[in-house]
Amino acid sequence: MNETSSIAKDEVALLAERLEFFIPKLMGMLKPWQWLLYILTWSLFVTVIDRQNFANLDGFMVKFASRAFQNSLTIIPALYLIDYWRPIFKRMNPLRVCVYVLLLLVTGSIITIMLAMLIKINLGIIEYHQQRFVINTVINAVITAGFTLVFLLYFMRRYEELSALKLSFEQKLKAQNDIMKARIAPHFFFNTINSLTSLIESNPPRASELLQHISALFRASFSGARDISFEEEVALCKHYLAIESCRLSDKLIVHWQLPDDDVMYDMVITALTLQSVLEKMLLNVVESTTETIVINIEAQWRQHRVNIVVTVQLPSKTFVVAQNLRQHIDFRLQAERLQMYFGQSAYINSDVNNKQVTTIINYPLQDVSI
């Protein structure tokens, strides 16, 4: 693993890349030979339409070669220049970019049509007439400008549609984040304050330690982050569990089985996902018994998928109804957030039996360093 960040190959990442600039990476759409094949096909089509102006096959071939030469020298260099100037264009107003792109292609068209006609004049294929020379140049410039404007309008429309989709996605995601925070914060906040109040007099050092956990947890939880590194989420959960252990009289034991630091460095996850799972386990299992509860958390990243398994042993003496647990342990909201970032194949499943509750968080994650 190198220190290259990993990204989820999902719709959100692709959307963000597409919205980088309203004109896509043109040379990335097709390879140079594919663009050339497209240009030759288009030149042949236009030449065939204009075939009534040719007396023989030689005239047809000359016209076709002229059009192919002109279109190739106009389009290919322009595509490279537009992609090369993307860092500059991204900082400009879209209308100004459209003007520059239009001028670039029209200028290229004027230069190439003049070159093509001069070559044919020098070869004796056509005779020089100033008026015809100027008219052909102007007509080709107008045609190029028209086609360029059509494509620019299409790209602008697509860009506006994607921008609206991105805004809608962000609003929905913000609403879901707010709902999750509202569900976690109230009961946790008041319980934590009560624990802190009792420790201030009885155990000041531990109260100070608890206060540090509280500060770190709330700063991370409400920073507005959407997706965070897996290391951050684990640290967030450890702060949360340390705070809850004080309130639960240390009847909670947590075992972590995590990947190596190098692997965890490249992993990402939606904020509050693992913490939300642990919070529900504490509320519905740990708080319902006086026994010590063991929670095992195992995370793996294999074959471009992250698999996190949270296993909670049910108390042996306290009567816990499995059916009630199934009703209260619902991760639909968390699963929807996960799918919005990592695609529809992401899921959170929870299985309850008489001995344990097993919750699986699974989502695709592509490592760009591989």
Protein backbone atom coordinates (compact mmCIF):
# COMPACT_ATOMS: atom_id res chain seq x y z
CA MET A 1 0.00 0.00 0.00
CA ASN A 2 1.28 3.50 -0.72
CA GLU A 3 -0.05 6.72 0.76
CA THR A 4 -2.58 7.24 -2.00
CA SER A 5 -6.07 7.76 -0.67
CA SER A 6 -8.74 5.23 -1.58
CA ILE A 7 -12.10 6.18 -2.98
CA ALA A 8 -15.37 4.35 -3.32
CA LYS A 9 -16.14 3.62 -6.94
CA ASP A 10 -19.73 4.70 -6.57
CA GLU A 11 -22.13 7.11 -8.20
CA VAL A 12 -21.15 9.94 -5.86
CA ALA A 13 -17.47 9.78 -6.78
CA LEU A 14 -18.30 9.69 -10.49
CA LEU A 15 -20.73 12.58 -10.04
CA ALA A 16 -18.11 14.67 -8.26
CA GLU A 17 -15.59 13.96 -11.03
CA ARG A 18 -18.11 14.87 -13.74
CA LEU A 19 -18.97 18.16 -12.01
CA GLU A 20 -15.33 19.21 -11.95
CA PHE A 21 -15.96 21.12 -15.19
CA PHE A 22 -19.02 21.33 -17.44
CA ILE A 23 -17.05 20.08 -20.47
CA PRO A 24 -15.97 16.43 -19.97
CA LYS A 25 -12.43 15.26 -20.61
CA LEU A 26 -12.80 15.03 -24.35
CA MET A 27 -9.70 12.94 -25.06
CA GLY A 28 -10.85 10.63 -22.29
CA MET A 29 -14.18 9.98 -24.02
CA LEU A 30 -12.49 8.39 -27.06
CA LYS A 31 -8.94 7.40 -27.89
CA PRO A 32 -7.15 9.41 -30.63
CA TRP A 33 -7.62 6.67 -33.23
CA GLN A 34 -11.34 6.51 -32.38
CA TRP A 35 -11.69 10.27 -32.84
CA LEU A 36 -9.84 9.94 -36.15
CA LEU A 37 -12.16 7.14 -37.27
CA TYR A 38 -15.17 9.27 -36.32
CA ILE A 39 -13.76 12.23 -38.30
CA LEU A 40 -13.09 10.06 -41.39
CA THR A 41 -16.60 8.59 -41.21
CA TRP A 42 -18.16 12.03 -40.90
CA SER A 43 -16.02 13.38 -43.77
CA LEU A 44 -17.05 10.45 -45.97
CA PHE A 45 -20.73 11.05 -45.12
CA VAL A 46 -20.55 14.74 -46.03
CA THR A 47 -18.66 13.96 -49.25
CA VAL A 48 -21.22 11.36 -50.32
CA ILE A 49 -24.05 13.85 -49.77
CA ASP A 50 -22.22 16.34 -52.01
CA ARG A 51 -21.40 13.71 -54.71
CA GLN A 52 -23.47 15.42 -57.46
CA ASN A 53 -20.78 18.11 -57.70
CA PHE A 54 -18.11 15.59 -58.77
CA ALA A 55 -17.63 14.51 -62.35
CA ASN A 56 -15.62 11.39 -61.56
CA LEU A 57 -14.11 9.24 -58.81
CA ASP A 58 -10.91 11.31 -58.69
CA GLY A 59 -12.89 14.42 -57.82
CA PHE A 60 -14.73 12.50 -55.11
CA MET A 61 -11.48 11.26 -53.56
CA VAL A 62 -9.91 14.72 -53.64
CA LYS A 63 -12.93 16.23 -51.90
CA PHE A 64 -12.97 13.45 -49.30
CA ALA A 65 -9.23 13.80 -48.57
CA SER A 66 -9.63 17.57 -48.31
CA ARG A 67 -12.49 17.30 -45.81
CA ALA A 68 -10.73 14.63 -43.75
CA PHE A 69 -7.57 16.74 -43.63
CA GLN A 70 -9.51 19.84 -42.65
CA ASN A 71 -11.61 18.16 -39.95
CA SER A 72 -8.64 16.30 -38.45
CA LEU A 73 -6.50 19.44 -38.15
CA THR A 74 -9.44 21.34 -36.66
CA ILE A 75 -10.83 18.88 -34.14
CA ILE A 76 -7.93 16.79 -32.77
CA PRO A 77 -5.66 19.71 -31.75
CA ALA A 78 -8.67 21.59 -30.32
CA LEU A 79 -9.62 18.62 -28.13
CA TYR A 80 -6.09 18.36 -26.76
CA LEU A 81 -5.92 22.10 -26.09
CA ILE A 82 -9.27 22.12 -24.28
CA ASP A 83 -8.16 19.26 -22.03
CA TYR A 84 -4.75 20.90 -21.50
CA TRP A 85 -6.34 24.20 -20.48
CA ARG A 86 -8.89 22.57 -18.13
CA PRO A 87 -7.16 23.87 -14.94
CA ILE A 88 -7.52 27.42 -16.31
CA PHE A 89 -11.03 26.96 -17.65
CA LYS A 90 -12.29 25.54 -14.32
CA ARG A 91 -11.65 28.89 -12.66
CA MET A 92 -13.58 30.84 -15.32
CA ASN A 93 -17.23 31.65 -15.81
CA PRO A 94 -18.89 28.97 -18.03
CA LEU A 95 -20.06 31.62 -20.51
CA ARG A 96 -16.51 32.89 -20.90
CA VAL A 97 -15.26 29.33 -21.39
CA CYS A 98 -17.84 28.81 -24.14
CA VAL A 99 -16.56 31.90 -25.95
CA TYR A 100 -12.95 30.67 -25.77
CA VAL A 101 -13.86 27.17 -26.98
CA LEU A 102 -15.93 28.65 -29.83
CA LEU A 103 -13.09 30.96 -30.89
CA LEU A 104 -10.60 28.08 -30.68
CA LEU A 105 -12.59 25.81 -33.00
CA VAL A 106 -13.60 28.56 -35.43
CA THR A 107 -10.00 29.75 -35.70
CA GLY A 108 -8.84 26.19 -36.30
CA SER A 109 -11.52 25.76 -38.96
CA ILE A 110 -10.49 28.95 -40.78
CA ILE A 111 -6.81 27.98 -40.77
CA THR A 112 -7.44 24.44 -42.01
CA ILE A 113 -9.87 25.38 -44.81
CA MET A 114 -7.41 28.00 -46.04
CA LEU A 115 -4.58 25.45 -45.96
CA ALA A 116 -6.68 22.86 -47.78
CA MET A 117 -7.66 25.32 -50.54
CA LEU A 118 -4.10 26.63 -50.92
CA ILE A 119 -2.78 23.08 -51.30
CA LYS A 120 -5.39 22.33 -53.99
CA ILE A 121 -4.56 25.59 -55.78
CA ASN A 122 -0.84 24.80 -55.76
CA LEU A 123 -1.51 21.29 -57.06
CA GLY A 124 -3.65 22.71 -59.86
CA ILE A 125 -6.79 20.92 -58.67
CA ILE A 126 -8.76 24.16 -58.45
CA GLU A 127 -8.25 27.71 -59.69
CA TYR A 128 -7.85 30.66 -57.37
CA HIS A 129 -10.83 33.00 -57.13
CA GLN A 130 -10.70 35.49 -54.29
CA GLN A 131 -14.47 35.69 -53.83
CA ARG A 132 -14.88 31.88 -53.77
CA PHE A 133 -11.90 31.60 -51.43
CA VAL A 134 -13.47 34.03 -48.93
CA ILE A 135 -16.97 32.53 -49.22
CA ASN A 136 -15.75 28.96 -48.59
CA THR A 137 -13.75 30.13 -45.61
CA VAL A 138 -16.71 31.99 -44.08
CA ILE A 139 -19.16 29.13 -44.72
CA ASN A 140 -16.86 26.58 -43.06
CA ALA A 141 -16.32 28.91 -40.07
CA VAL A 142 -20.10 29.35 -39.66
CA ILE A 143 -20.74 25.58 -39.89
CA THR A 144 -18.02 24.89 -37.30
CA ALA A 145 -19.43 27.59 -35.00
CA GLY A 146 -22.92 26.09 -35.30
CA PHE A 147 -21.82 22.55 -34.42
CA THR A 148 -19.68 23.86 -31.55
CA LEU A 149 -22.59 25.82 -30.08
CA VAL A 150 -24.84 22.73 -30.23
CA PHE A 151 -22.32 20.64 -28.28
CA LEU A 152 -21.66 23.43 -25.77
CA LEU A 153 -25.40 23.80 -25.12
CA TYR A 154 -25.67 20.03 -24.61
CA PHE A 155 -22.77 19.99 -22.14
CA MET A 156 -24.20 22.98 -20.27
CA ARG A 157 -27.59 21.29 -19.96
CA ARG A 158 -26.03 18.08 -18.69
CA TYR A 159 -23.92 20.06 -16.24
CA GLU A 160 -27.02 21.83 -14.85
CA GLU A 161 -28.85 18.50 -14.50
CA LEU A 162 -25.92 16.95 -12.62
CA SER A 163 -25.58 20.04 -10.41
CA ALA A 164 -29.26 19.79 -9.49
CA LEU A 165 -28.82 16.06 -8.77
CA LYS A 166 -25.80 16.79 -6.57
CA LEU A 167 -27.71 19.49 -4.66
CA SER A 168 -30.65 17.14 -4.14
CA PHE A 169 -28.31 14.39 -2.95
CA GLU A 170 -26.56 16.74 -0.50
CA GLN A 171 -29.86 18.00 0.92
CA LYS A 172 -31.16 14.47 1.43
CA LEU A 173 -27.88 13.38 2.98
CA LYS A 174 -27.82 16.38 5.31
CA ALA A 175 -31.37 15.60 6.42
CA GLN A 176 -30.41 11.98 7.15
CA ASN A 177 -27.30 13.07 9.05
CA ASP A 178 -29.38 15.48 11.11
CA ILE A 179 -31.88 12.72 11.91
CA MET A 180 -29.12 10.36 13.04
CA LYS A 181 -27.45 13.01 15.17
CA ALA A 182 -30.78 13.93 16.74
CA ARG A 183 -31.40 10.29 17.64
CA ILE A 184 -27.94 9.76 19.13
CA ALA A 185 -27.38 13.07 20.89
CA PRO A 186 -30.19 13.67 23.45
CA HIS A 187 -30.17 10.52 25.59
CA PHE A 188 -26.40 10.16 25.25
CA PHE A 189 -25.77 13.77 26.22
CA PHE A 190 -27.85 13.68 29.39
CA ASN A 191 -26.50 10.28 30.46
CA THR A 192 -22.96 11.53 29.97
CA ILE A 193 -23.57 14.68 32.00
CA ASN A 194 -24.95 12.56 34.84
CA SER A 195 -21.89 10.28 34.76
CA LEU A 196 -19.56 13.27 34.70
CA THR A 197 -21.35 14.93 37.63
CA SER A 198 -20.99 11.83 39.82
CA LEU A 199 -17.30 11.40 38.94
CA ILE A 200 -16.25 14.98 39.63
CA GLU A 201 -16.49 14.44 43.40
CA SER A 202 -15.77 10.72 43.67
CA ASN A 203 -12.99 10.31 41.10
CA PRO A 204 -11.62 13.60 39.66
CA PRO A 205 -8.87 11.97 37.52
CA ARG A 206 -11.38 9.73 35.82
CA ALA A 207 -13.75 12.68 35.40
CA SER A 208 -10.95 14.53 33.61
CA GLU A 209 -10.33 11.51 31.37
CA LEU A 210 -14.05 11.24 30.64
CA LEU A 211 -14.18 14.92 29.74
CA GLN A 212 -11.40 14.42 27.18
CA HIS A 213 -13.33 11.57 25.59
CA ILE A 214 -16.47 13.74 25.48
CA SER A 215 -14.61 16.62 23.83
CA ALA A 216 -13.04 14.38 21.18
CA LEU A 217 -16.30 12.56 20.46
CA PHE A 218 -18.50 15.62 20.02
CA ARG A 219 -15.90 17.48 17.99
CA ALA A 220 -15.68 14.55 15.55
CA SER A 221 -19.37 13.65 15.53
CA PHE A 222 -20.66 17.09 14.63
CA SER A 223 -17.92 18.34 12.36
CA GLY A 224 -20.21 17.96 9.35
CA ALA A 225 -18.07 15.27 7.70
CA ARG A 226 -19.83 12.90 5.36
CA ASP A 227 -17.37 10.13 4.68
CA ILE A 228 -14.35 9.79 6.94
CA SER A 229 -11.38 7.49 7.23
CA PHE A 230 -12.00 4.19 8.95
CA GLU A 231 -9.34 5.12 11.51
CA GLU A 232 -11.38 8.18 12.47
CA GLU A 233 -14.55 6.15 12.82
CA VAL A 234 -12.79 3.60 15.04
CA ALA A 235 -11.36 6.40 17.20
CA LEU A 236 -14.85 7.90 17.41
CA CYS A 237 -16.29 4.56 18.55
CA LYS A 238 -13.56 4.08 21.15
CA HIS A 239 -14.29 7.48 22.65
CA TYR A 240 -17.99 6.61 22.68
CA LEU A 241 -17.44 3.22 24.33
CA ALA A 242 -15.06 4.70 26.92
CA ILE A 243 -17.75 7.22 27.91
CA GLU A 244 -20.48 4.60 28.10
CA SER A 245 -18.25 2.24 30.13
CA CYS A 246 -18.18 4.82 32.94
CA ARG A 247 -21.97 4.95 33.04
CA LEU A 248 -22.41 1.17 32.71
CA SER A 249 -20.12 0.42 35.68
CA ASP A 250 -17.55 -1.33 33.48
CA LYS A 251 -19.88 -4.20 32.58
CA LEU A 252 -18.83 -3.84 28.95
CA ILE A 253 -15.88 -5.63 27.30
CA VAL A 254 -14.96 -4.81 23.72
CA HIS A 255 -12.55 -6.80 21.54
CA TRP A 256 -11.27 -5.20 18.32
CA GLN A 257 -9.87 -7.16 15.36
CA LEU A 258 -8.72 -4.56 12.86
CA PRO A 259 -6.57 -4.60 9.70
CA ASP A 260 -2.99 -3.38 9.75
CA ASP A 261 -2.41 0.36 10.00
CA ASP A 262 -1.29 0.49 6.36
CA VAL A 263 -4.57 -1.05 5.26
CA MET A 264 -6.72 1.07 7.57
CA TYR A 265 -5.00 4.19 6.23
CA ASP A 266 -6.75 3.71 2.86
CA MET A 267 -10.17 2.67 4.18
CA VAL A 268 -13.14 5.04 4.33
CA ILE A 269 -16.66 4.77 5.76
CA THR A 270 -19.66 7.02 6.26
CA ALA A 271 -19.46 8.87 9.57
CA LEU A 272 -21.51 7.50 12.49
CA THR A 273 -22.22 4.17 10.76
CA LEU A 274 -20.30 1.88 13.13
CA GLN A 275 -21.02 4.12 16.11
CA SER A 276 -24.77 3.90 15.40
CA VAL A 277 -24.60 0.10 15.39
CA LEU A 278 -22.74 0.04 18.71
CA GLU A 279 -25.13 2.58 20.22
CA LYS A 280 -28.14 0.37 19.43
CA MET A 281 -26.40 -2.65 20.92
CA LEU A 282 -25.72 -0.81 24.16
CA LEU A 283 -29.26 0.52 24.41
CA ASN A 284 -31.02 -2.77 23.64
CA VAL A 285 -28.65 -5.37 25.12
CA VAL A 286 -26.12 -4.00 27.59
CA GLU A 287 -28.54 -1.73 29.44
CA SER A 288 -31.08 -4.53 29.82
CA THR A 289 -28.88 -6.70 32.05
CA THR A 290 -26.51 -6.59 35.00
CA GLU A 291 -24.18 -9.13 33.42
CA THR A 292 -20.92 -8.27 31.67
CA ILE A 293 -21.48 -8.16 27.93
CA VAL A 294 -18.75 -8.91 25.40
CA ILE A 295 -18.76 -7.16 22.05
CA ASN A 296 -16.48 -8.39 19.25
CA ILE A 297 -15.76 -6.06 16.33
CA GLU A 298 -13.92 -7.52 13.35
CA ALA A 299 -13.11 -5.54 10.18
CA GLN A 300 -11.65 -6.90 6.94
CA TRP A 301 -10.98 -5.42 3.50
CA ARG A 302 -10.75 -8.10 0.82
CA GLN A 303 -11.44 -8.20 -2.91
CA HIS A 304 -12.49 -4.54 -2.95
CA ARG A 305 -15.15 -4.97 -0.24
CA VAL A 306 -15.12 -3.96 3.40
CA ASN A 307 -16.78 -6.39 5.80
CA ILE A 308 -17.35 -5.34 9.42
CA VAL A 309 -18.88 -7.90 11.80
CA VAL A 310 -20.18 -6.78 15.19
CA THR A 311 -21.06 -9.68 17.48
CA VAL A 312 -22.78 -9.10 20.84
CA GLN A 313 -23.18 -12.00 23.27
CA LEU A 314 -26.64 -12.03 24.84
CA PRO A 315 -26.86 -12.39 28.64
CA SER A 316 -27.37 -15.94 29.86
CA LYS A 317 -29.37 -15.08 33.00
CA THR A 318 -31.40 -12.06 32.02
CA PHE A 319 -34.41 -12.91 29.88
CA VAL A 320 -34.12 -11.17 26.50
CA VAL A 321 -36.82 -11.76 23.91
CA ALA A 322 -35.23 -12.16 20.48
CA GLN A 323 -38.36 -10.93 18.71
CA ASN A 324 -38.27 -7.62 20.57
CA LEU A 325 -34.60 -7.20 19.72
CA ARG A 326 -35.34 -7.66 16.02
CA GLN A 327 -37.92 -4.90 16.20
CA HIS A 328 -35.61 -2.42 17.94
CA ILE A 329 -32.41 -3.17 16.01
CA ASP A 330 -33.19 -1.50 12.72
CA PHE A 331 -30.41 -0.08 10.56
CA ARG A 332 -32.47 1.00 7.55
CA LEU A 333 -31.38 4.64 7.78
CA GLN A 334 -27.70 3.73 8.17
CA ALA A 335 -27.96 1.32 5.21
CA GLU A 336 -29.48 4.04 3.01
CA ARG A 337 -26.61 6.41 3.83
CA LEU A 338 -24.12 3.66 3.08
CA GLN A 339 -25.75 2.96 -0.29
CA MET A 340 -25.74 6.64 -1.24
CA TYR A 341 -21.96 6.67 -0.90
CA PHE A 342 -20.97 3.16 -1.97
CA GLY A 343 -23.75 1.99 -4.30
CA GLN A 344 -26.72 -0.35 -4.03
CA SER A 345 -24.57 -3.39 -3.22
CA ALA A 346 -23.79 -1.93 0.22
CA TYR A 347 -25.87 -3.31 3.08
CA ILE A 348 -26.25 -3.65 6.85
CA ASN A 349 -27.80 -6.92 8.04
CA SER A 350 -28.50 -7.97 11.60
CA ASP A 351 -29.23 -11.53 12.76
CA VAL A 352 -30.64 -12.26 16.23
CA ASN A 353 -30.73 -15.69 17.89
CA ASN A 354 -30.90 -16.89 21.48
CA LYS A 355 -27.15 -16.53 22.05
CA GLN A 356 -25.97 -13.47 20.18
CA VAL A 357 -26.71 -10.59 17.87
CA THR A 358 -24.57 -10.43 14.72
CA THR A 359 -24.56 -7.29 12.61
CA ILE A 360 -22.70 -7.15 9.29
CA ILE A 361 -21.72 -3.89 7.57
CA ASN A 362 -20.61 -4.61 4.01
CA TYR A 363 -19.82 -2.21 1.16
CA PRO A 364 -17.57 -1.98 -1.92
CA LEU A 365 -14.36 0.00 -1.66
CA GLN A 366 -11.88 0.21 -4.51
CA ASP A 367 -8.24 0.75 -3.57
CA VAL A 368 -6.70 3.05 -6.17
CA SER A 369 -3.19 2.11 -5.01
CA ILE A 370 -3.54 -1.50 -6.20
